[in-house]
Amino acid sequence: MSRSKFILFFPALLASFYLESSLHAQEKFKRIRVTYPTESIAVLPLFAAHRWKTFEDNDLQAEIIQARSQVANAALASGEIGYFAGVGPASVSATLRGLQSRAVWFASDEIIYLLLARPEFSNIRDLRQKKIGITGLGGTAHVALQIALEAVHENPKNFLYVSITAAQLMAGLETGVIDAALMSPPYDFYAKKKGFREVLNAGTYARMPFGGLTVMIATLRNRADELKKVMRAMQVAKREMLKSKERTVALISNFLKVDRDAAENTYAVYGKTVSGSGVPSHDGIDQIMKSLQLAGQFTDRKVSFEEVADDRIAKEVAKELGYKIN
């Protein structure tokens, strides 16, 4: 072969090689689709698994899609989405209303929500008949706040609730559109720096899962091996978050678009809640059911753990990763 022909042939050979390698890599990884409801610390393990390649370490290629719970439920039911990154009142309620789904993994065993008010309000009583911003009526934040209010002997009906995105809560407080806001890190950090007052720690009274994984029963039956890999990828990522502060602070800063101080503050708070094995607990599910019934839902029935959750695969993963499981 002449030198001129080789020069023309070699780039084509390289292109063919890289294309073949790319196709081979795509065949190696099983593609999955995971949806999440909102950008918050509750879904940090999902994004850690995605960014830190623990999905790939388990032969998975994950596509991450944001969608409201109602849209995600429809996508789960139709098979368009395989996994919903969340376990809480909304997902459990959907199961009890007929969605053939189960909670299979907990990201955290404890929610983190603080009620921050404008400076002129010094306590929770001052907020009666005032507007409180929450991220979704009927969702985890709303239900947790209602539980906390009842725990401090306040009637939840004495307050006005405004559904607003987490990113807009601060602006709502600053402009007076809302009088108080239920926040999780890092937004509470900024609110306190700006002089807004903490009047209630809802997480103290409403102890339930914060994030997790919900799947269809068909996935449990027909794709158990894949589900196990998904759980393992997210649990390994969660464990890595506890071991690697610098890496996790960078993830928080990038994902939630906050500065380093806020990211470090978030890490300090969040790190106290995510040390669990990921296995769904009976107590956590009981707390979700209690929250739903306090909100007036499913008050005429007793719901068993097995009706809404399945911990079998999570236990397998936890044992393989060295957690002590009863």
C-alpha atoms as a PDB file:
ATOM      1  CA  MET A   1       0.000   0.000   0.000  1.00  0.00           C
ATOM      2  CA  SER A   2       1.361   3.414  -0.913  1.00  0.00           C
ATOM      3  CA  ARG A   3       2.023   6.019   1.806  1.00  0.00           C
ATOM      4  CA  SER A   4      -0.728   8.325   0.450  1.00  0.00           C
ATOM      5  CA  LYS A   5      -3.314   5.513   0.490  1.00  0.00           C
ATOM      6  CA  PHE A   6      -2.281   4.509   4.011  1.00  0.00           C
ATOM      7  CA  ILE A   7      -2.744   8.101   5.238  1.00  0.00           C
ATOM      8  CA  LEU A   8      -6.286   8.071   3.861  1.00  0.00           C
ATOM      9  CA  PHE A   9      -7.035   4.574   5.121  1.00  0.00           C
ATOM     10  CA  PHE A  10      -5.720   4.929   8.695  1.00  0.00           C
ATOM     11  CA  PRO A  11      -8.244   7.552   9.957  1.00  0.00           C
ATOM     12  CA  ALA A  12     -11.075   5.471   8.526  1.00  0.00           C
ATOM     13  CA  LEU A  13      -9.698   2.422  10.329  1.00  0.00           C
ATOM     14  CA  LEU A  14      -9.539   4.377  13.596  1.00  0.00           C
ATOM     15  CA  ALA A  15     -13.100   5.640  13.153  1.00  0.00           C
ATOM     16  CA  SER A  16     -14.300   2.103  12.523  1.00  0.00           C
ATOM     17  CA  PHE A  17     -12.461   0.874  15.621  1.00  0.00           C
ATOM     18  CA  TYR A  18     -13.954   3.562  17.889  1.00  0.00           C
ATOM     19  CA  LEU A  19     -17.448   2.982  16.497  1.00  0.00           C
ATOM     20  CA  GLU A  20     -17.162  -0.735  17.122  1.00  0.00           C
ATOM     21  CA  SER A  21     -15.848  -0.103  20.660  1.00  0.00           C
ATOM     22  CA  SER A  22     -18.709   2.308  21.359  1.00  0.00           C
ATOM     23  CA  LEU A  23     -21.297  -0.184  20.152  1.00  0.00           C
ATOM     24  CA  HIS A  24     -19.683  -2.906  22.225  1.00  0.00           C
ATOM     25  CA  ALA A  25     -19.828  -0.665  25.324  1.00  0.00           C
ATOM     26  CA  GLN A  26     -23.489   0.082  24.696  1.00  0.00           C
ATOM     27  CA  GLU A  27     -24.236  -3.643  24.434  1.00  0.00           C
ATOM     28  CA  LYS A  28     -22.430  -4.250  27.737  1.00  0.00           C
ATOM     29  CA  PHE A  29     -24.617  -1.826  29.700  1.00  0.00           C
ATOM     30  CA  LYS A  30     -28.319  -2.378  30.336  1.00  0.00           C
ATOM     31  CA  ARG A  31     -30.177   0.880  29.784  1.00  0.00           C
ATOM     32  CA  ILE A  32     -32.556   1.990  32.527  1.00  0.00           C
ATOM     33  CA  ARG A  33     -34.667   5.107  33.070  1.00  0.00           C
ATOM     34  CA  VAL A  34     -35.046   6.674  36.515  1.00  0.00           C
ATOM     35  CA  THR A  35     -37.321   9.586  37.290  1.00  0.00           C
ATOM     36  CA  TYR A  36     -37.152  11.913  40.282  1.00  0.00           C
ATOM     37  CA  PRO A  37     -39.679  14.513  41.523  1.00  0.00           C
ATOM     38  CA  THR A  38     -37.536  17.555  42.365  1.00  0.00           C
ATOM     39  CA  GLU A  39     -33.937  18.651  42.800  1.00  0.00           C
ATOM     40  CA  SER A  40     -33.279  18.182  46.511  1.00  0.00           C
ATOM     41  CA  ILE A  41     -30.962  16.367  48.874  1.00  0.00           C
ATOM     42  CA  ALA A  42     -33.429  13.460  48.896  1.00  0.00           C
ATOM     43  CA  VAL A  43     -32.162  12.366  45.466  1.00  0.00           C
ATOM     44  CA  LEU A  44     -28.443  12.947  46.052  1.00  0.00           C
ATOM     45  CA  PRO A  45     -27.656   9.185  46.081  1.00  0.00           C
ATOM     46  CA  LEU A  46     -29.225   8.889  42.616  1.00  0.00           C
ATOM     47  CA  PHE A  47     -27.064  11.657  41.206  1.00  0.00           C
ATOM     48  CA  ALA A  48     -23.992  10.384  43.029  1.00  0.00           C
ATOM     49  CA  ALA A  49     -24.510   6.972  41.412  1.00  0.00           C
ATOM     50  CA  HIS A  50     -24.898   8.661  38.024  1.00  0.00           C
ATOM     51  CA  ARG A  51     -21.921  11.034  38.316  1.00  0.00           C
ATOM     52  CA  TRP A  52     -19.567   8.630  40.062  1.00  0.00           C
ATOM     53  CA  LYS A  53     -20.220   5.765  37.636  1.00  0.00           C
ATOM     54  CA  THR A  54     -21.514   3.246  40.169  1.00  0.00           C
ATOM     55  CA  PHE A  55     -24.325   2.483  37.742  1.00  0.00           C
ATOM     56  CA  GLU A  56     -21.714   1.592  35.119  1.00  0.00           C
ATOM     57  CA  ASP A  57     -19.843  -0.457  37.731  1.00  0.00           C
ATOM     58  CA  ASN A  58     -23.008  -2.558  37.885  1.00  0.00           C
ATOM     59  CA  ASP A  59     -23.361  -2.817  34.081  1.00  0.00           C
ATOM     60  CA  LEU A  60     -26.125  -0.205  33.906  1.00  0.00           C
ATOM     61  CA  GLN A  61     -26.531   2.918  31.807  1.00  0.00           C
ATOM     62  CA  ALA A  62     -28.965   5.232  33.594  1.00  0.00           C
ATOM     63  CA  GLU A  63     -31.029   7.986  32.032  1.00  0.00           C
ATOM     64  CA  ILE A  64     -32.201  10.434  34.716  1.00  0.00           C
ATOM     65  CA  ILE A  65     -35.470  12.309  34.099  1.00  0.00           C
ATOM     66  CA  GLN A  66     -37.255  14.861  36.280  1.00  0.00           C
ATOM     67  CA  ALA A  67     -41.044  14.538  36.479  1.00  0.00           C
ATOM     68  CA  ARG A  68     -43.851  15.355  38.889  1.00  0.00           C
ATOM     69  CA  SER A  69     -45.125  12.416  40.937  1.00  0.00           C
ATOM     70  CA  GLN A  70     -48.372  12.121  38.973  1.00  0.00           C
ATOM     71  CA  VAL A  71     -46.502  12.010  35.661  1.00  0.00           C
ATOM     72  CA  ALA A  72     -43.949   9.569  37.067  1.00  0.00           C
ATOM     73  CA  ASN A  73     -46.704   7.247  38.289  1.00  0.00           C
ATOM     74  CA  ALA A  74     -48.264   7.153  34.839  1.00  0.00           C
ATOM     75  CA  ALA A  75     -44.852   6.498  33.268  1.00  0.00           C
ATOM     76  CA  LEU A  76     -44.183   3.678  35.744  1.00  0.00           C
ATOM     77  CA  ALA A  77     -47.540   2.084  35.025  1.00  0.00           C
ATOM     78  CA  SER A  78     -46.978   2.235  31.256  1.00  0.00           C
ATOM     79  CA  GLY A  79     -43.432   0.903  31.445  1.00  0.00           C
ATOM     80  CA  GLU A  80     -41.874   4.079  30.016  1.00  0.00           C
ATOM     81  CA  ILE A  81     -39.941   4.492  33.269  1.00  0.00           C
ATOM     82  CA  GLY A  82     -38.515   1.628  35.293  1.00  0.00           C
ATOM     83  CA  TYR A  83     -37.718   3.369  38.556  1.00  0.00           C
ATOM     84  CA  PHE A  84     -39.020   6.269  40.624  1.00  0.00           C
ATOM     85  CA  ALA A  85     -36.453   7.812  42.999  1.00  0.00           C
ATOM     86  CA  GLY A  86     -38.708   8.464  45.944  1.00  0.00           C
ATOM     87  CA  VAL A  87     -40.599   6.888  48.816  1.00  0.00           C
ATOM     88  CA  GLY A  88     -43.063   8.978  50.788  1.00  0.00           C
ATOM     89  CA  PRO A  89     -46.727   9.821  51.336  1.00  0.00           C
ATOM     90  CA  ALA A  90     -47.334  10.545  47.634  1.00  0.00           C
ATOM     91  CA  SER A  91     -45.816   7.282  46.344  1.00  0.00           C
ATOM     92  CA  VAL A  92     -47.422   5.122  49.045  1.00  0.00           C
ATOM     93  CA  SER A  93     -50.773   6.820  48.462  1.00  0.00           C
ATOM     94  CA  ALA A  94     -50.490   6.013  44.743  1.00  0.00           C
ATOM     95  CA  THR A  95     -49.874   2.343  45.613  1.00  0.00           C
ATOM     96  CA  LEU A  96     -52.906   2.215  47.890  1.00  0.00           C
ATOM     97  CA  ARG A  97     -55.025   3.837  45.183  1.00  0.00           C
ATOM     98  CA  GLY A  98     -54.248   1.047  42.745  1.00  0.00           C
ATOM     99  CA  LEU A  99     -50.787   1.557  41.267  1.00  0.00           C
ATOM    100  CA  GLN A 100     -49.152  -1.880  41.290  1.00  0.00           C
ATOM    101  CA  SER A 101     -45.962  -0.607  42.912  1.00  0.00           C
ATOM    102  CA  ARG A 102     -43.832  -1.159  46.007  1.00  0.00           C
ATOM    103  CA  ALA A 103     -41.263   0.836  48.010  1.00  0.00           C
ATOM    104  CA  VAL A 104     -38.050  -1.200  47.795  1.00  0.00           C
ATOM    105  CA  TRP A 105     -35.199   0.997  49.093  1.00  0.00           C
ATOM    106  CA  PHE A 106     -34.786   3.942  51.493  1.00  0.00           C
ATOM    107  CA  ALA A 107     -32.278   6.698  50.755  1.00  0.00           C
ATOM    108  CA  SER A 108     -32.578   7.964  54.327  1.00  0.00           C
ATOM    109  CA  ASP A 109     -34.545   7.057  57.424  1.00  0.00           C
ATOM    110  CA  GLU A 110     -35.193  10.646  58.483  1.00  0.00           C
ATOM    111  CA  ILE A 111     -36.599  13.701  56.745  1.00  0.00           C
ATOM    112  CA  ILE A 112     -34.995  17.129  57.127  1.00  0.00           C
ATOM    113  CA  TYR A 113     -37.480  20.007  57.085  1.00  0.00           C
ATOM    114  CA  LEU A 114     -37.348  23.328  58.938  1.00  0.00           C
ATOM    115  CA  LEU A 115     -40.068  25.970  58.952  1.00  0.00           C
ATOM    116  CA  LEU A 116     -38.493  29.407  58.425  1.00  0.00           C
ATOM    117  CA  ALA A 117     -40.567  32.573  58.875  1.00  0.00           C
ATOM    118  CA  ARG A 118     -40.156  36.248  58.066  1.00  0.00           C
ATOM    119  CA  PRO A 119     -38.512  38.186  60.954  1.00  0.00           C
ATOM    120  CA  GLU A 120     -41.777  39.760  62.150  1.00  0.00           C
ATOM    121  CA  PHE A 121     -43.086  36.307  63.140  1.00  0.00           C
ATOM    122  CA  SER A 122     -41.446  35.048  66.319  1.00  0.00           C
ATOM    123  CA  ASN A 123     -43.229  31.715  66.793  1.00  0.00           C
ATOM    124  CA  ILE A 124     -45.593  29.242  65.178  1.00  0.00           C
ATOM    125  CA  ARG A 125     -48.678  30.851  66.723  1.00  0.00           C
ATOM    126  CA  ASP A 126     -47.932  34.087  64.887  1.00  0.00           C
ATOM    127  CA  LEU A 127     -48.320  32.221  61.591  1.00  0.00           C
ATOM    128  CA  ARG A 128     -51.961  31.272  62.084  1.00  0.00           C
ATOM    129  CA  GLN A 129     -53.934  32.274  58.970  1.00  0.00           C
ATOM    130  CA  LYS A 130     -50.628  33.171  57.260  1.00  0.00           C
ATOM    131  CA  LYS A 131     -49.257  31.735  54.008  1.00  0.00           C
ATOM    132  CA  ILE A 132     -46.728  28.923  54.266  1.00  0.00           C
ATOM    133  CA  GLY A 133     -44.806  27.876  51.168  1.00  0.00           C
ATOM    134  CA  ILE A 134     -44.361  24.135  50.631  1.00  0.00           C
ATOM    135  CA  THR A 135     -43.081  22.044  47.721  1.00  0.00           C
ATOM    136  CA  GLY A 136     -46.279  20.295  46.674  1.00  0.00           C
ATOM    137  CA  LEU A 137     -49.682  19.995  48.277  1.00  0.00           C
ATOM    138  CA  GLY A 138     -50.231  16.479  49.602  1.00  0.00           C
ATOM    139  CA  GLY A 139     -46.549  15.568  49.263  1.00  0.00           C
ATOM    140  CA  THR A 140     -43.988  14.660  51.905  1.00  0.00           C
ATOM    141  CA  ALA A 141     -43.307  18.272  52.904  1.00  0.00           C
ATOM    142  CA  HIS A 142     -46.986  19.119  53.315  1.00  0.00           C
ATOM    143  CA  VAL A 143     -47.802  15.987  55.308  1.00  0.00           C
ATOM    144  CA  ALA A 144     -44.691  16.314  57.492  1.00  0.00           C
ATOM    145  CA  LEU A 145     -45.634  19.876  58.358  1.00  0.00           C
ATOM    146  CA  GLN A 146     -49.154  18.838  59.313  1.00  0.00           C
ATOM    147  CA  ILE A 147     -47.807  16.114  61.617  1.00  0.00           C
ATOM    148  CA  ALA A 148     -45.403  18.575  63.239  1.00  0.00           C
ATOM    149  CA  LEU A 149     -48.123  21.183  63.728  1.00  0.00           C
ATOM    150  CA  GLU A 150     -50.373  18.675  65.462  1.00  0.00           C
ATOM    151  CA  ALA A 151     -47.439  17.537  67.618  1.00  0.00           C
ATOM    152  CA  VAL A 152     -47.024  21.098  68.946  1.00  0.00           C
ATOM    153  CA  HIS A 153     -50.791  21.347  69.490  1.00  0.00           C
ATOM    154  CA  GLU A 154     -51.579  23.499  66.471  1.00  0.00           C
ATOM    155  CA  ASN A 155     -54.491  22.793  64.132  1.00  0.00           C
ATOM    156  CA  PRO A 156     -53.106  22.461  60.557  1.00  0.00           C
ATOM    157  CA  LYS A 157     -56.356  23.981  59.262  1.00  0.00           C
ATOM    158  CA  ASN A 158     -55.399  27.281  60.890  1.00  0.00           C
ATOM    159  CA  PHE A 159     -52.671  27.851  58.293  1.00  0.00           C
ATOM    160  CA  LEU A 160     -52.715  28.643  54.566  1.00  0.00           C
ATOM    161  CA  TYR A 161     -50.553  26.551  52.230  1.00  0.00           C
ATOM    162  CA  VAL A 162     -49.012  27.709  48.968  1.00  0.00           C
ATOM    163  CA  SER A 163     -47.424  25.188  46.580  1.00  0.00           C
ATOM    164  CA  ILE A 164     -44.117  26.527  45.274  1.00  0.00           C
ATOM    165  CA  THR A 165     -40.848  25.044  43.977  1.00  0.00           C
ATOM    166  CA  ALA A 166     -37.891  24.711  46.342  1.00  0.00           C
ATOM    167  CA  ALA A 167     -35.858  27.174  44.279  1.00  0.00           C
ATOM    168  CA  GLN A 168     -38.597  29.829  44.597  1.00  0.00           C
ATOM    169  CA  LEU A 169     -39.137  29.580  48.343  1.00  0.00           C
ATOM    170  CA  MET A 170     -36.466  32.170  49.178  1.00  0.00           C
ATOM    171  CA  ALA A 171     -37.789  34.688  46.679  1.00  0.00           C
ATOM    172  CA  GLY A 172     -41.274  34.153  48.053  1.00  0.00           C
ATOM    173  CA  LEU A 173     -40.075  34.958  51.578  1.00  0.00           C
ATOM    174  CA  GLU A 174     -38.100  38.000  50.485  1.00  0.00           C
ATOM    175  CA  THR A 175     -40.969  39.520  48.506  1.00  0.00           C
ATOM    176  CA  GLY A 176     -43.623  38.677  51.088  1.00  0.00           C
ATOM    177  CA  VAL A 177     -45.579  36.435  48.724  1.00  0.00           C
ATOM    178  CA  ILE A 178     -45.379  33.878  51.524  1.00  0.00           C
ATOM    179  CA  ASP A 179     -44.914  34.464  55.253  1.00  0.00           C
ATOM    180  CA  ALA A 180     -42.996  31.272  55.992  1.00  0.00           C
ATOM    181  CA  ALA A 181     -41.492  28.361  54.096  1.00  0.00           C
ATOM    182  CA  LEU A 182     -40.777  24.722  54.843  1.00  0.00           C
ATOM    183  CA  MET A 183     -37.199  24.170  53.720  1.00  0.00           C
ATOM    184  CA  SER A 184     -34.575  21.455  53.596  1.00  0.00           C
ATOM    185  CA  PRO A 185     -30.835  22.043  53.188  1.00  0.00           C
ATOM    186  CA  PRO A 186     -29.250  23.988  51.577  1.00  0.00           C
ATOM    187  CA  TYR A 187     -32.088  26.496  51.288  1.00  0.00           C
ATOM    188  CA  ASP A 188     -32.535  26.808  55.058  1.00  0.00           C
ATOM    189  CA  PHE A 189     -28.864  27.840  55.329  1.00  0.00           C
ATOM    190  CA  TYR A 190     -29.399  30.843  53.061  1.00  0.00           C
ATOM    191  CA  ALA A 191     -32.672  31.743  54.748  1.00  0.00           C
ATOM    192  CA  LYS A 192     -31.034  31.917  58.174  1.00  0.00           C
ATOM    193  CA  LYS A 193     -28.174  34.021  56.811  1.00  0.00           C
ATOM    194  CA  LYS A 194     -30.733  36.493  55.489  1.00  0.00           C
ATOM    195  CA  GLY A 195     -32.405  36.821  58.863  1.00  0.00           C
ATOM    196  CA  PHE A 196     -35.389  34.502  58.520  1.00  0.00           C
ATOM    197  CA  ARG A 197     -36.357  32.810  61.753  1.00  0.00           C
ATOM    198  CA  GLU A 198     -36.641  29.068  62.463  1.00  0.00           C
ATOM    199  CA  VAL A 199     -39.971  28.469  64.199  1.00  0.00           C
ATOM    200  CA  LEU A 200     -40.394  24.700  63.848  1.00  0.00           C
ATOM    201  CA  ASN A 201     -38.251  21.643  63.106  1.00  0.00           C
ATOM    202  CA  ALA A 202     -40.734  19.376  61.322  1.00  0.00           C
ATOM    203  CA  GLY A 203     -38.274  16.500  61.029  1.00  0.00           C
ATOM    204  CA  THR A 204     -38.230  16.148  64.800  1.00  0.00           C
ATOM    205  CA  TYR A 205     -41.902  15.182  64.809  1.00  0.00           C
ATOM    206  CA  ALA A 206     -42.391  13.495  61.425  1.00  0.00           C
ATOM    207  CA  ARG A 207     -39.864  10.676  61.222  1.00  0.00           C
ATOM    208  CA  MET A 208     -40.222   8.971  57.876  1.00  0.00           C
ATOM    209  CA  PRO A 209     -38.067   8.058  54.847  1.00  0.00           C
ATOM    210  CA  PHE A 210     -36.465  10.865  52.863  1.00  0.00           C
ATOM    211  CA  GLY A 211     -36.022   9.645  49.307  1.00  0.00           C
ATOM    212  CA  GLY A 212     -35.710   6.058  48.125  1.00  0.00           C
ATOM    213  CA  LEU A 213     -36.817   3.832  45.282  1.00  0.00           C
ATOM    214  CA  THR A 214     -40.264   2.725  44.142  1.00  0.00           C
ATOM    215  CA  VAL A 215     -40.867   0.168  41.380  1.00  0.00           C
ATOM    216  CA  MET A 216     -43.712  -1.778  39.852  1.00  0.00           C
ATOM    217  CA  ILE A 217     -44.457  -5.268  41.168  1.00  0.00           C
ATOM    218  CA  ALA A 218     -43.736  -6.562  37.651  1.00  0.00           C
ATOM    219  CA  THR A 219     -40.160  -5.268  37.990  1.00  0.00           C
ATOM    220  CA  LEU A 220     -39.753  -7.152  41.266  1.00  0.00           C
ATOM    221  CA  ARG A 221     -40.984 -10.337  39.621  1.00  0.00           C
ATOM    222  CA  ASN A 222     -39.430 -10.145  36.182  1.00  0.00           C
ATOM    223  CA  ARG A 223     -36.322  -7.952  36.534  1.00  0.00           C
ATOM    224  CA  ALA A 224     -35.075  -8.776  40.015  1.00  0.00           C
ATOM    225  CA  ASP A 225     -31.426  -9.033  38.928  1.00  0.00           C
ATOM    226  CA  GLU A 226     -31.561  -5.606  37.299  1.00  0.00           C
ATOM    227  CA  LEU A 227     -33.317  -4.103  40.322  1.00  0.00           C
ATOM    228  CA  LYS A 228     -30.638  -5.528  42.594  1.00  0.00           C
ATOM    229  CA  LYS A 229     -27.947  -3.809  40.515  1.00  0.00           C
ATOM    230  CA  VAL A 230     -29.815  -0.493  40.678  1.00  0.00           C
ATOM    231  CA  MET A 231     -30.097  -0.738  44.460  1.00  0.00           C
ATOM    232  CA  ARG A 232     -26.476  -1.741  44.832  1.00  0.00           C
ATOM    233  CA  ALA A 233     -25.307   1.184  42.680  1.00  0.00           C
ATOM    234  CA  MET A 234     -27.283   3.682  44.759  1.00  0.00           C
ATOM    235  CA  GLN A 235     -26.350   2.167  48.127  1.00  0.00           C
ATOM    236  CA  VAL A 236     -22.650   2.126  47.203  1.00  0.00           C
ATOM    237  CA  ALA A 237     -22.920   5.751  46.060  1.00  0.00           C
ATOM    238  CA  LYS A 238     -24.649   6.680  49.324  1.00  0.00           C
ATOM    239  CA  ARG A 239     -21.919   4.981  51.350  1.00  0.00           C
ATOM    240  CA  GLU A 240     -19.253   6.760  49.298  1.00  0.00           C
ATOM    241  CA  MET A 241     -20.931  10.078  50.130  1.00  0.00           C
ATOM    242  CA  LEU A 242     -20.291   9.440  53.829  1.00  0.00           C
ATOM    243  CA  LYS A 243     -16.649   8.521  53.221  1.00  0.00           C
ATOM    244  CA  SER A 244     -15.700  11.325  50.822  1.00  0.00           C
ATOM    245  CA  LYS A 245     -16.612  14.748  52.179  1.00  0.00           C
ATOM    246  CA  GLU A 246     -14.794  16.774  49.522  1.00  0.00           C
ATOM    247  CA  ARG A 247     -16.286  14.789  46.684  1.00  0.00           C
ATOM    248  CA  THR A 248     -19.768  15.023  48.148  1.00  0.00           C
ATOM    249  CA  VAL A 249     -19.528  18.747  48.903  1.00  0.00           C
ATOM    250  CA  ALA A 250     -18.586  19.276  45.259  1.00  0.00           C
ATOM    251  CA  LEU A 251     -21.563  17.148  44.164  1.00  0.00           C
ATOM    252  CA  ILE A 252     -23.966  19.107  46.368  1.00  0.00           C
ATOM    253  CA  SER A 253     -22.599  22.425  45.147  1.00  0.00           C
ATOM    254  CA  ASN A 254     -22.899  21.388  41.504  1.00  0.00           C
ATOM    255  CA  PHE A 255     -26.249  19.609  41.694  1.00  0.00           C
ATOM    256  CA  LEU A 256     -28.067  22.142  43.894  1.00  0.00           C
ATOM    257  CA  LYS A 257     -26.133  25.134  42.488  1.00  0.00           C
ATOM    258  CA  VAL A 258     -25.003  26.492  45.845  1.00  0.00           C
ATOM    259  CA  ASP A 259     -21.718  27.895  47.167  1.00  0.00           C
ATOM    260  CA  ARG A 260     -19.217  25.906  49.196  1.00  0.00           C
ATOM    261  CA  ASP A 261     -20.386  27.180  52.600  1.00  0.00           C
ATOM    262  CA  ALA A 262     -23.949  26.083  51.900  1.00  0.00           C
ATOM    263  CA  ALA A 263     -22.745  22.764  50.472  1.00  0.00           C
ATOM    264  CA  GLU A 264     -20.639  22.050  53.568  1.00  0.00           C
ATOM    265  CA  ASN A 265     -23.528  22.946  55.860  1.00  0.00           C
ATOM    266  CA  THR A 266     -25.801  20.645  53.844  1.00  0.00           C
ATOM    267  CA  TYR A 267     -23.285  17.815  54.025  1.00  0.00           C
ATOM    268  CA  ALA A 268     -22.998  18.152  57.814  1.00  0.00           C
ATOM    269  CA  VAL A 269     -26.762  17.889  58.271  1.00  0.00           C
ATOM    270  CA  TYR A 270     -27.420  15.317  55.562  1.00  0.00           C
ATOM    271  CA  GLY A 271     -24.576  13.072  56.673  1.00  0.00           C
ATOM    272  CA  LYS A 272     -26.394  12.398  59.955  1.00  0.00           C
ATOM    273  CA  THR A 273     -29.397  10.894  58.180  1.00  0.00           C
ATOM    274  CA  VAL A 274     -28.015   8.640  55.438  1.00  0.00           C
ATOM    275  CA  SER A 275     -25.996   6.030  57.291  1.00  0.00           C
ATOM    276  CA  GLY A 276     -28.705   3.367  57.028  1.00  0.00           C
ATOM    277  CA  SER A 277     -28.546   0.122  55.081  1.00  0.00           C
ATOM    278  CA  GLY A 278     -31.248   1.168  52.619  1.00  0.00           C
ATOM    279  CA  VAL A 279     -33.584  -1.616  53.743  1.00  0.00           C
ATOM    280  CA  PRO A 280     -37.167  -0.311  54.037  1.00  0.00           C
ATOM    281  CA  SER A 281     -38.178  -0.354  57.689  1.00  0.00           C
ATOM    282  CA  HIS A 282     -41.579  -1.209  59.118  1.00  0.00           C
ATOM    283  CA  ASP A 283     -41.359   1.863  61.326  1.00  0.00           C
ATOM    284  CA  GLY A 284     -40.717   4.121  58.349  1.00  0.00           C
ATOM    285  CA  ILE A 285     -43.710   2.744  56.458  1.00  0.00           C
ATOM    286  CA  ASP A 286     -45.837   3.015  59.606  1.00  0.00           C
ATOM    287  CA  GLN A 287     -44.886   6.683  59.873  1.00  0.00           C
ATOM    288  CA  ILE A 288     -45.905   7.278  56.267  1.00  0.00           C
ATOM    289  CA  MET A 289     -49.249   5.613  56.894  1.00  0.00           C
ATOM    290  CA  LYS A 290     -49.731   7.647  60.055  1.00  0.00           C
ATOM    291  CA  SER A 291     -49.017  10.820  58.102  1.00  0.00           C
ATOM    292  CA  LEU A 292     -51.553   9.899  55.428  1.00  0.00           C
ATOM    293  CA  GLN A 293     -54.232   9.058  57.975  1.00  0.00           C
ATOM    294  CA  LEU A 294     -53.594  12.282  59.881  1.00  0.00           C
ATOM    295  CA  ALA A 295     -54.202  14.021  56.574  1.00  0.00           C
ATOM    296  CA  GLY A 296     -57.564  12.227  56.324  1.00  0.00           C
ATOM    297  CA  GLN A 297     -56.580   9.488  53.838  1.00  0.00           C
ATOM    298  CA  PHE A 298     -57.178   5.724  54.230  1.00  0.00           C
ATOM    299  CA  THR A 299     -58.607   6.191  57.720  1.00  0.00           C
ATOM    300  CA  ASP A 300     -60.968   3.248  57.265  1.00  0.00           C
ATOM    301  CA  ARG A 301     -58.308   0.591  56.752  1.00  0.00           C
ATOM    302  CA  LYS A 302     -55.276  -0.998  58.365  1.00  0.00           C
ATOM    303  CA  VAL A 303     -52.412  -1.266  55.892  1.00  0.00           C
ATOM    304  CA  SER A 304     -49.717  -3.918  56.249  1.00  0.00           C
ATOM    305  CA  PHE A 305     -46.063  -3.392  55.347  1.00  0.00           C
ATOM    306  CA  GLU A 306     -46.329  -5.941  52.510  1.00  0.00           C
ATOM    307  CA  GLU A 307     -49.136  -3.986  50.820  1.00  0.00           C
ATOM    308  CA  VAL A 308     -46.848  -1.057  50.058  1.00  0.00           C
ATOM    309  CA  ALA A 309     -43.248  -2.243  50.486  1.00  0.00           C
ATOM    310  CA  ASP A 310     -40.928  -5.149  49.707  1.00  0.00           C
ATOM    311  CA  ASP A 311     -37.578  -5.359  51.522  1.00  0.00           C
ATOM    312  CA  ARG A 312     -36.267  -8.688  50.211  1.00  0.00           C
ATOM    313  CA  ILE A 313     -33.835  -7.465  47.548  1.00  0.00           C
ATOM    314  CA  ALA A 314     -32.656  -4.531  49.667  1.00  0.00           C
ATOM    315  CA  LYS A 315     -31.746  -7.026  52.406  1.00  0.00           C
ATOM    316  CA  GLU A 316     -29.746  -9.112  49.925  1.00  0.00           C
ATOM    317  CA  VAL A 317     -27.817  -6.036  48.785  1.00  0.00           C
ATOM    318  CA  ALA A 318     -27.209  -4.840  52.333  1.00  0.00           C
ATOM    319  CA  LYS A 319     -25.864  -8.225  53.454  1.00  0.00           C
ATOM    320  CA  GLU A 320     -23.543  -8.416  50.435  1.00  0.00           C
ATOM    321  CA  LEU A 321     -22.214  -4.939  51.284  1.00  0.00           C
ATOM    322  CA  GLY A 322     -21.505  -5.970  54.883  1.00  0.00           C
ATOM    323  CA  TYR A 323     -24.420  -4.411  56.778  1.00  0.00           C
ATOM    324  CA  LYS A 324     -25.844  -6.279  59.763  1.00  0.00           C
ATOM    325  CA  ILE A 325     -29.429  -7.190  58.940  1.00  0.00           C
ATOM    326  CA  ASN A 326     -31.862  -8.805  61.350  1.00  0.00           C
END
